[in-house]
Protein backbone atom coordinates (compact mmCIF):
# COMPACT_ATOMS: atom_id res chain seq x y z
CA MET A 1 -6.12 -38.92 0.70
CA LYS A 2 -5.22 -36.09 -1.71
CA LYS A 3 -1.72 -34.70 -1.12
CA ARG A 4 -1.56 -31.11 0.13
CA ILE A 5 0.41 -29.11 -2.37
CA ASN A 6 3.24 -26.75 -1.40
CA VAL A 7 2.87 -23.16 -2.63
CA LEU A 8 5.66 -20.60 -2.38
CA LEU A 9 4.55 -16.97 -2.46
CA MET A 10 7.42 -14.89 -3.86
CA VAL A 11 6.64 -11.31 -2.87
CA SER A 12 7.87 -7.87 -3.86
CA TRP A 13 7.04 -6.13 -0.57
CA TYR A 14 7.13 -7.43 2.98
CA GLY A 15 7.78 -6.23 6.52
CA PRO A 16 11.03 -6.53 8.52
CA ARG A 17 11.90 -9.78 10.26
CA GLY A 18 10.38 -10.16 13.72
CA GLU A 19 7.67 -7.53 13.15
CA LYS A 20 4.08 -8.38 12.40
CA PRO A 21 3.64 -7.60 8.69
CA THR A 22 2.26 -4.21 7.73
CA GLY A 23 4.06 -3.72 4.43
CA GLY A 24 2.80 -6.54 2.24
CA ILE A 25 0.12 -7.42 4.79
CA PHE A 26 -2.11 -8.81 2.02
CA HIS A 27 0.60 -11.39 1.20
CA TYR A 28 0.67 -12.53 4.82
CA GLU A 29 -3.13 -12.74 5.02
CA GLN A 30 -3.25 -14.62 1.73
CA ALA A 31 -0.66 -17.10 3.03
CA ILE A 32 -2.63 -17.66 6.24
CA GLU A 33 -5.77 -18.35 4.22
CA LEU A 34 -3.98 -20.61 1.72
CA ASN A 35 -2.64 -22.68 4.61
CA LYS A 36 -6.18 -23.95 5.17
CA TYR A 37 -6.01 -25.77 1.85
CA CYS A 38 -2.30 -26.25 1.12
CA ASN A 39 1.12 -25.68 2.65
CA CYS A 40 2.19 -22.09 2.00
CA ALA A 41 5.52 -20.34 2.60
CA ILE A 42 6.69 -16.83 1.76
CA TYR A 43 9.96 -15.88 0.09
CA TYR A 44 10.98 -12.19 0.20
CA PRO A 45 14.06 -11.62 -1.99
CA TYR A 46 14.44 -7.89 -1.28
CA ASP A 47 15.18 -7.74 2.44
CA ARG A 48 17.40 -4.73 3.15
CA THR A 49 17.31 -5.21 6.93
CA ILE A 50 19.09 -8.56 7.43
CA ASN A 51 22.84 -9.15 7.70
CA GLU A 52 22.93 -12.82 6.70
CA ASP A 53 22.69 -13.84 3.05
CA VAL A 54 19.66 -16.05 3.73
CA VAL A 55 17.36 -16.09 6.76
CA VAL A 56 14.63 -18.62 7.55
CA GLY A 57 12.04 -18.35 10.28
CA ASP A 58 8.45 -18.82 11.35
CA ASP A 59 7.04 -15.30 11.10
CA TRP A 60 3.67 -15.14 12.83
CA GLY A 61 2.71 -18.65 11.80
CA ILE A 62 4.09 -18.58 8.25
CA ALA A 63 7.36 -20.19 7.14
CA THR A 64 9.28 -17.22 5.76
CA TYR A 65 12.49 -17.14 3.74
CA ARG A 66 14.44 -13.93 3.16
CA SER A 67 17.55 -13.09 1.18
CA LYS A 68 19.73 -10.04 1.70
CA TYR A 69 19.39 -7.32 -0.92
CA LYS A 70 21.42 -4.21 -1.63
CA LEU A 71 20.65 -2.16 -4.71
CA GLU A 72 24.33 -1.67 -5.57
CA ASN A 73 25.18 -5.41 -5.30
CA LYS A 74 23.35 -6.81 -8.32
CA ILE A 75 25.46 -9.95 -8.71
CA ARG A 76 25.51 -10.72 -4.98
CA ASN A 77 21.72 -10.24 -4.84
CA ARG A 78 21.22 -12.89 -7.47
CA ILE A 79 23.62 -15.27 -5.76
CA ASN A 80 21.65 -14.81 -2.53
CA MET A 81 18.39 -15.50 -4.36
CA TYR A 82 19.82 -18.71 -5.80
CA LYS A 83 21.10 -19.81 -2.38
CA ALA A 84 17.73 -19.07 -0.82
CA MET A 85 15.90 -20.96 -3.53
CA LYS A 86 18.16 -24.00 -3.16
CA LYS A 87 17.32 -24.03 0.53
CA ILE A 88 13.61 -23.60 -0.17
CA VAL A 89 13.60 -26.47 -2.67
CA LYS A 90 15.43 -28.73 -0.23
CA GLU A 91 13.34 -27.88 2.84
CA PHE A 92 9.90 -26.80 1.57
CA LYS A 93 9.78 -28.57 -1.82
CA PRO A 94 7.39 -26.18 -3.58
CA ASP A 95 5.02 -27.55 -6.22
CA ILE A 96 4.11 -24.04 -7.40
CA ILE A 97 5.85 -20.67 -7.25
CA HIS A 98 3.35 -17.82 -7.02
CA GLY A 99 5.21 -14.67 -8.04
CA ASN A 100 3.78 -11.22 -7.36
CA VAL A 101 4.37 -8.28 -9.75
CA ALA A 102 6.08 -9.20 -13.01
CA THR A 103 8.67 -6.41 -13.02
CA GLU A 104 9.68 -7.06 -9.40
CA ALA A 105 9.65 -10.51 -7.73
CA GLY A 106 8.01 -12.00 -10.80
CA ARG A 107 11.23 -11.60 -12.80
CA TYR A 108 13.09 -13.84 -10.41
CA ALA A 109 10.16 -16.20 -9.84
CA VAL A 110 10.19 -17.33 -13.48
CA THR A 111 13.99 -17.62 -13.47
CA MET A 112 13.93 -19.80 -10.37
CA GLY A 113 11.07 -21.76 -11.87
CA GLN A 114 13.23 -22.52 -14.90
CA LEU A 115 16.29 -23.43 -12.85
CA PHE A 116 14.43 -25.73 -10.47
CA HIS A 117 11.71 -26.97 -12.87
CA ILE A 118 8.79 -25.55 -10.88
CA PRO A 119 5.71 -24.04 -12.59
CA VAL A 120 5.04 -20.37 -11.90
CA ILE A 121 1.87 -18.29 -11.64
CA ILE A 122 2.12 -14.49 -11.71
CA SER A 123 -0.27 -12.11 -9.93
CA GLU A 124 -0.08 -8.52 -11.12
CA HIS A 125 -0.76 -5.98 -8.38
CA SER A 126 0.91 -2.94 -9.93
CA ALA A 127 -0.94 -0.53 -12.21
CA ALA A 128 0.55 -0.34 -15.69
CA GLU A 129 1.12 3.39 -15.17
CA TYR A 130 3.34 2.60 -12.16
CA SER A 131 5.15 -0.53 -13.31
CA GLY A 132 6.52 1.03 -16.47
CA VAL A 133 5.54 -1.95 -18.67
CA THR A 134 4.81 0.31 -21.63
CA SER A 135 8.49 1.20 -22.12
CA PHE A 136 11.97 -0.30 -22.03
CA PRO A 137 13.35 -2.02 -19.98
CA HIS A 138 10.27 -2.96 -17.96
CA HIS A 139 8.28 -3.96 -21.03
CA MET A 140 11.04 -6.44 -21.84
CA TYR A 141 11.12 -7.77 -18.25
CA ALA A 142 7.36 -8.21 -18.11
CA ASN A 143 7.14 -9.77 -21.56
CA ARG A 144 9.56 -12.50 -20.50
CA VAL A 145 7.71 -13.11 -17.24
CA TYR A 146 4.27 -13.40 -18.81
CA ARG A 147 5.67 -15.67 -21.54
CA LEU A 148 7.29 -18.08 -19.07
CA SER A 149 4.55 -18.18 -16.45
CA LYS A 150 1.83 -20.82 -16.63
CA TYR A 151 -0.95 -18.43 -15.61
CA ASN A 152 -1.21 -14.63 -15.32
CA THR A 153 -3.71 -12.92 -13.02
CA CYS A 154 -4.54 -9.26 -12.41
CA VAL A 155 -6.25 -7.72 -9.39
CA SER A 156 -8.84 -5.73 -11.37
CA ASP A 157 -10.75 -5.96 -14.63
CA HIS A 158 -9.19 -2.71 -15.82
CA LEU A 159 -5.67 -4.02 -15.26
CA THR A 160 -6.54 -7.27 -17.04
CA GLU A 161 -7.76 -5.39 -20.11
CA LYS A 162 -4.80 -2.99 -20.01
CA LEU A 163 -2.25 -5.80 -19.99
CA LYS A 164 -4.11 -7.62 -22.77
CA GLU A 165 -3.64 -4.48 -24.88
CA ILE A 166 0.06 -4.15 -24.05
CA PHE A 167 0.86 -7.89 -24.31
CA PRO A 168 -1.66 -9.30 -26.81
CA LYS A 169 0.21 -12.61 -27.13
CA TYR A 170 -0.60 -13.68 -23.56
CA GLU A 171 -3.70 -14.46 -21.56
CA PHE A 172 -4.63 -12.53 -18.42
CA HIS A 173 -7.38 -13.34 -15.92
CA THR A 174 -8.91 -11.27 -13.14
CA VAL A 175 -8.50 -12.50 -9.58
CA TYR A 176 -9.23 -9.66 -7.16
CA ASP A 177 -7.28 -8.90 -3.99
CA GLY A 178 -8.98 -10.68 -1.11
CA ILE A 179 -10.47 -8.69 1.78
CA MET A 180 -10.96 -9.84 5.35
CA PRO A 181 -14.56 -10.44 6.53
CA VAL A 182 -15.85 -8.20 9.30
CA ASP A 183 -16.23 -10.98 11.85
CA ARG A 184 -12.51 -11.79 11.59
CA VAL A 185 -11.46 -8.19 12.23
CA LEU A 186 -14.01 -6.59 14.56
CA THR A 187 -13.74 -9.13 17.36
CA GLY A 188 -13.38 -6.94 20.46
CA GLU A 189 -15.13 -4.00 22.03
CA ARG A 190 -15.98 -1.24 19.56
CA GLN A 191 -15.57 2.49 20.03
CA ASN A 192 -18.06 5.04 18.68
CA TYR A 193 -16.41 7.35 16.12
CA ARG A 194 -19.61 8.78 14.71
CA LYS A 195 -20.31 12.51 14.90
CA GLU A 196 -23.99 12.62 15.79
CA GLY A 197 -26.28 14.92 13.85
CA LEU A 198 -23.93 14.95 10.84
CA VAL A 199 -23.49 12.87 7.70
CA ASN A 200 -20.27 10.96 8.35
CA ILE A 201 -17.98 10.35 5.37
CA ALA A 202 -14.94 8.04 5.56
CA CYS A 203 -11.85 8.08 3.37
CA VAL A 204 -9.02 5.53 3.72
CA ALA A 205 -5.81 6.64 1.98
CA GLY A 206 -2.09 6.12 2.47
CA PHE A 207 -0.08 9.32 2.07
CA TYR A 208 3.04 7.68 0.62
CA ASP A 209 2.79 9.88 -2.49
CA ARG A 210 1.98 13.58 -2.66
CA TYR A 211 -0.73 13.36 -5.31
CA ILE A 212 -1.81 9.80 -6.10
CA LYS A 213 -4.70 9.62 -3.59
CA GLY A 214 -6.26 12.78 -5.00
CA MET A 215 -6.52 14.79 -1.77
CA GLN A 216 -5.78 17.92 -3.81
CA TYR A 217 -9.22 17.37 -5.41
CA LEU A 218 -11.11 15.86 -2.50
CA LEU A 219 -10.43 18.58 0.08
CA PRO A 220 -11.54 21.51 -2.14
CA ALA A 221 -14.61 19.48 -3.19
CA TYR A 222 -15.38 18.87 0.47
CA LYS A 223 -15.00 22.60 1.17
CA ARG A 224 -17.76 23.27 -1.37
CA LEU A 225 -20.06 20.91 0.57
CA ILE A 226 -19.40 22.89 3.74
CA GLU A 227 -20.00 26.19 1.93
CA ASP A 228 -23.34 24.80 0.69
CA GLY A 229 -24.35 24.35 4.31
CA GLU A 230 -24.21 20.55 4.24
CA LYS A 231 -23.91 19.09 7.72
CA VAL A 232 -21.06 16.67 7.07
CA TYR A 233 -17.95 15.36 8.80
CA LEU A 234 -14.98 13.73 7.04
CA HIS A 235 -12.95 10.95 8.67
CA ILE A 236 -9.58 10.47 6.91
CA ILE A 237 -7.68 7.31 7.86
CA GLY A 238 -4.08 6.67 6.84
CA GLY A 239 -0.52 7.77 7.50
CA GLY A 240 2.51 8.60 5.42
CA ALA A 241 5.05 11.24 4.57
CA TYR A 242 2.49 13.71 3.16
CA LEU A 243 -0.09 13.50 5.93
CA GLU A 244 0.96 16.78 7.54
CA GLU A 245 0.84 18.54 4.18
CA TYR A 246 -2.82 17.65 3.77
CA LYS A 247 -3.63 18.58 7.34
CA GLY A 248 -2.17 21.97 6.43
CA MET A 249 -4.28 22.15 3.28
CA ALA A 250 -7.43 21.40 5.30
CA ALA A 251 -6.54 24.26 7.64
CA ASP A 252 -5.81 26.63 4.74
CA LEU A 253 -9.17 25.77 3.17
CA GLY A 254 -10.93 26.47 6.46
CA VAL A 255 -12.39 22.97 6.84
CA ALA A 256 -10.10 21.54 9.54
CA ASP A 257 -12.90 21.72 12.14
CA SER A 258 -15.00 19.39 9.98
CA ILE A 259 -12.27 16.80 9.37
CA ILE A 260 -10.37 14.40 11.57
CA PHE A 261 -7.09 12.84 10.40
CA TYR A 262 -6.49 9.61 12.31
CA GLY A 263 -3.11 8.75 10.81
CA ALA A 264 -2.09 5.11 10.37
CA CYS A 265 -4.46 2.70 12.15
CA GLU A 266 -4.73 -1.00 12.84
CA ARG A 267 -7.26 -2.65 10.54
CA SER A 268 -9.69 -3.23 13.40
CA LYS A 269 -9.80 0.52 14.02
CA VAL A 270 -10.17 1.22 10.29
CA TYR A 271 -13.15 -1.14 10.10
CA ASN A 272 -14.60 0.39 13.26
CA ILE A 273 -14.39 3.96 11.90
CA VAL A 274 -15.74 3.04 8.45
CA SER A 275 -18.59 1.02 9.96
CA ASP A 276 -19.68 4.18 11.81
CA ALA A 277 -19.74 6.24 8.59
CA ASP A 278 -22.68 6.81 6.26
CA PHE A 279 -20.68 6.44 3.06
CA ILE A 280 -17.08 6.25 1.84
CA VAL A 281 -15.16 8.31 -0.68
CA SER A 282 -11.99 7.74 -2.70
CA ALA A 283 -10.42 10.40 -4.96
CA SER A 284 -7.49 8.27 -6.19
CA MET A 285 -5.85 9.09 -9.50
CA ILE A 286 -4.56 5.52 -9.99
CA GLU A 287 -5.52 2.29 -8.24
CA SER A 288 -4.67 -1.24 -9.33
CA PHE A 289 -7.63 -2.45 -7.21
CA GLY A 290 -8.82 -0.48 -4.17
CA CYS A 291 -8.98 -2.73 -1.11
CA SER A 292 -10.19 0.02 1.22
CA VAL A 293 -13.18 0.75 -1.03
CA ALA A 294 -14.02 -2.97 -1.32
CA GLU A 295 -13.79 -3.20 2.48
CA GLY A 296 -16.07 -0.19 2.86
CA VAL A 297 -18.71 -1.76 0.61
CA MET A 298 -18.34 -5.02 2.56
CA LEU A 299 -19.06 -2.98 5.70
CA GLY A 300 -22.35 -1.97 4.07
CA LYS A 301 -21.39 1.52 2.94
CA PRO A 302 -22.11 2.99 -0.50
CA ALA A 303 -19.08 4.52 -2.20
CA VAL A 304 -18.18 7.63 -4.15
CA GLY A 305 -15.06 6.99 -6.20
CA THR A 306 -13.06 7.87 -9.27
CA ARG A 307 -12.48 6.10 -12.57
CA CYS A 308 -8.87 5.33 -11.76
CA GLY A 309 -8.54 1.70 -12.85
CA GLY A 310 -9.33 -0.59 -9.95
CA LEU A 311 -12.41 1.12 -8.53
CA GLU A 312 -14.43 0.33 -11.66
CA SER A 313 -14.36 -3.32 -10.50
CA ILE A 314 -15.98 -2.31 -7.20
CA ILE A 315 -18.28 0.67 -7.76
CA ASN A 316 -21.33 0.36 -10.00
CA ASP A 317 -25.00 1.31 -9.94
CA THR A 318 -25.55 -1.09 -7.03
CA THR A 319 -22.69 0.09 -4.84
CA GLY A 320 -22.28 3.82 -5.42
CA LEU A 321 -21.28 6.64 -7.75
CA LEU A 322 -18.28 6.97 -10.08
CA VAL A 323 -16.76 10.20 -11.40
CA ASP A 324 -13.72 10.94 -13.51
CA SER A 325 -10.39 11.15 -11.71
CA LYS A 326 -8.89 14.62 -11.14
CA ASP A 327 -12.41 16.06 -11.27
CA GLU A 328 -13.02 18.31 -8.28
CA LYS A 329 -16.45 19.43 -9.50
CA GLY A 330 -17.49 15.83 -10.19
CA LEU A 331 -16.42 14.75 -6.69
CA TYR A 332 -18.34 17.63 -5.15
CA GLU A 333 -21.50 16.81 -7.09
CA ALA A 334 -21.26 13.07 -6.35
CA MET A 335 -20.71 13.63 -2.62
CA LYS A 336 -23.57 16.13 -2.52
CA SER A 337 -25.79 13.58 -4.24
CA MET A 338 -24.68 10.81 -1.88
CA VAL A 339 -25.43 12.96 1.18
CA ARG A 340 -29.06 12.68 0.09
CA LYS A 341 -29.03 9.18 -1.39
CA TYR A 342 -26.96 7.06 1.02
CA ILE A 343 -29.96 6.21 3.15
CA GLY A 344 -31.56 4.45 0.18
CA TYR A 345 -28.81 1.87 -0.20
CA ASP A 346 -29.39 -1.56 1.32
CA SER A 347 -26.48 -2.23 3.69
CA ASP A 348 -27.00 -5.99 3.68
CA GLU A 349 -27.10 -6.06 -0.12
CA LEU A 350 -23.84 -4.11 -0.30
CA SER A 351 -22.14 -6.46 2.16
CA GLU A 352 -23.35 -9.55 0.34
CA TYR A 353 -22.16 -8.17 -3.00
CA ALA A 354 -18.64 -7.45 -1.70
CA LEU A 355 -18.26 -10.71 0.19
CA LYS A 356 -19.33 -12.77 -2.80
CA ARG A 357 -16.81 -11.08 -5.11
CA PHE A 358 -13.90 -10.03 -2.90
CA SER A 359 -13.75 -12.03 0.34
CA ILE A 360 -10.38 -13.65 0.97
CA GLU A 361 -12.09 -17.06 1.18
CA THR A 362 -13.49 -16.62 -2.34
CA ILE A 363 -10.17 -15.44 -3.75
CA THR A 364 -8.22 -18.26 -2.05
CA LYS A 365 -10.50 -20.89 -3.56
CA GLN A 366 -9.96 -19.33 -6.98
CA TYR A 367 -6.20 -19.60 -6.52
CA MET A 368 -6.46 -23.20 -5.36
CA ASP A 369 -8.40 -24.05 -8.54
CA ILE A 370 -5.70 -22.36 -10.62
CA TYR A 371 -2.90 -24.24 -8.83
CA GLN A 372 -4.64 -27.56 -9.41
CA GLU A 373 -5.21 -26.70 -13.07
CA ILE A 374 -1.50 -25.91 -13.54
CA LEU A 375 -0.39 -29.12 -11.84
CA VAL A 376 -2.78 -31.23 -13.90
CA GLN A 377 -1.39 -29.64 -17.08
CA GLN A 378 2.14 -30.48 -15.90
CA VAL A 379 1.47 -34.20 -15.97
CA LEU A 380 -0.46 -34.31 -19.26
């Protein structure tokens, strides 16, 4: 019988101990899926909520290691990471370290890999514009990480090509973020969110930044649809510090009666709302991938989106319409076109396309192949 390998996910973002993960939820879901094929644990080296230097527990079915982190205690942070890794090596015995984001956890993943003689794979989730890899010191950090890792992946084709330009010495491969199939999310009774007699448009966006999701372009573009007499209704899903600001903008533009802001929602509710829409829209200025758009297409909805990096891996002639980012007029014209065209898209074809490319089962199998390839190379 083939031995199950042990994979340690070293993550840059994760939720507090004892709470079901919301921050870094994709790491948790990836770990759950990987556990079908290997033994997977999570190590979060940036926990600002714990008092002990190292904490170990079973968090919602996943073995989870945490080390205490305080920004001002750089030396102590590294000592805690080393202590945590010693414990992980003794108890979990990882065959592979899977670091996420080169300039964050990835920096320490390759260091721990060197110290404990464990091969490392890096997955890049952060857009180059955000991670700072074009300038010092982050270019230096990332260069070292990509040099020492055995395999580098990126979550979109755009990010892969961008990093190839910045770091031409190293190879990068696209492995998308995995999305959860509908039948694993919409399992209970569903509510009807559809506004009858109107074309329902859904937008999923986290308001953690004032501008990055492009609401300053989407809302005025949507106003132009209303002024044209289009019978539309916009469902905006997502919470964050700037949510109230955009509620205020909707009111100032005079379109608040044609928009509902749901705030932060459980994924089952997100899927429920989007499944009741006619099409989805994203006005993002930068995306490393665009999980919510991939999920929308998987739910059978055509998409209007911007050329912002990640969405170009999702939206094409089969799945929707792309416009330039920061282009209010382009968004307006694409949404107006989609109001008339959405009915012509084949929902089953859209779902099949997204599942084949982006489902978490597909992505997990890709990672398992990469792990096996690395381990084979180790013994040659």
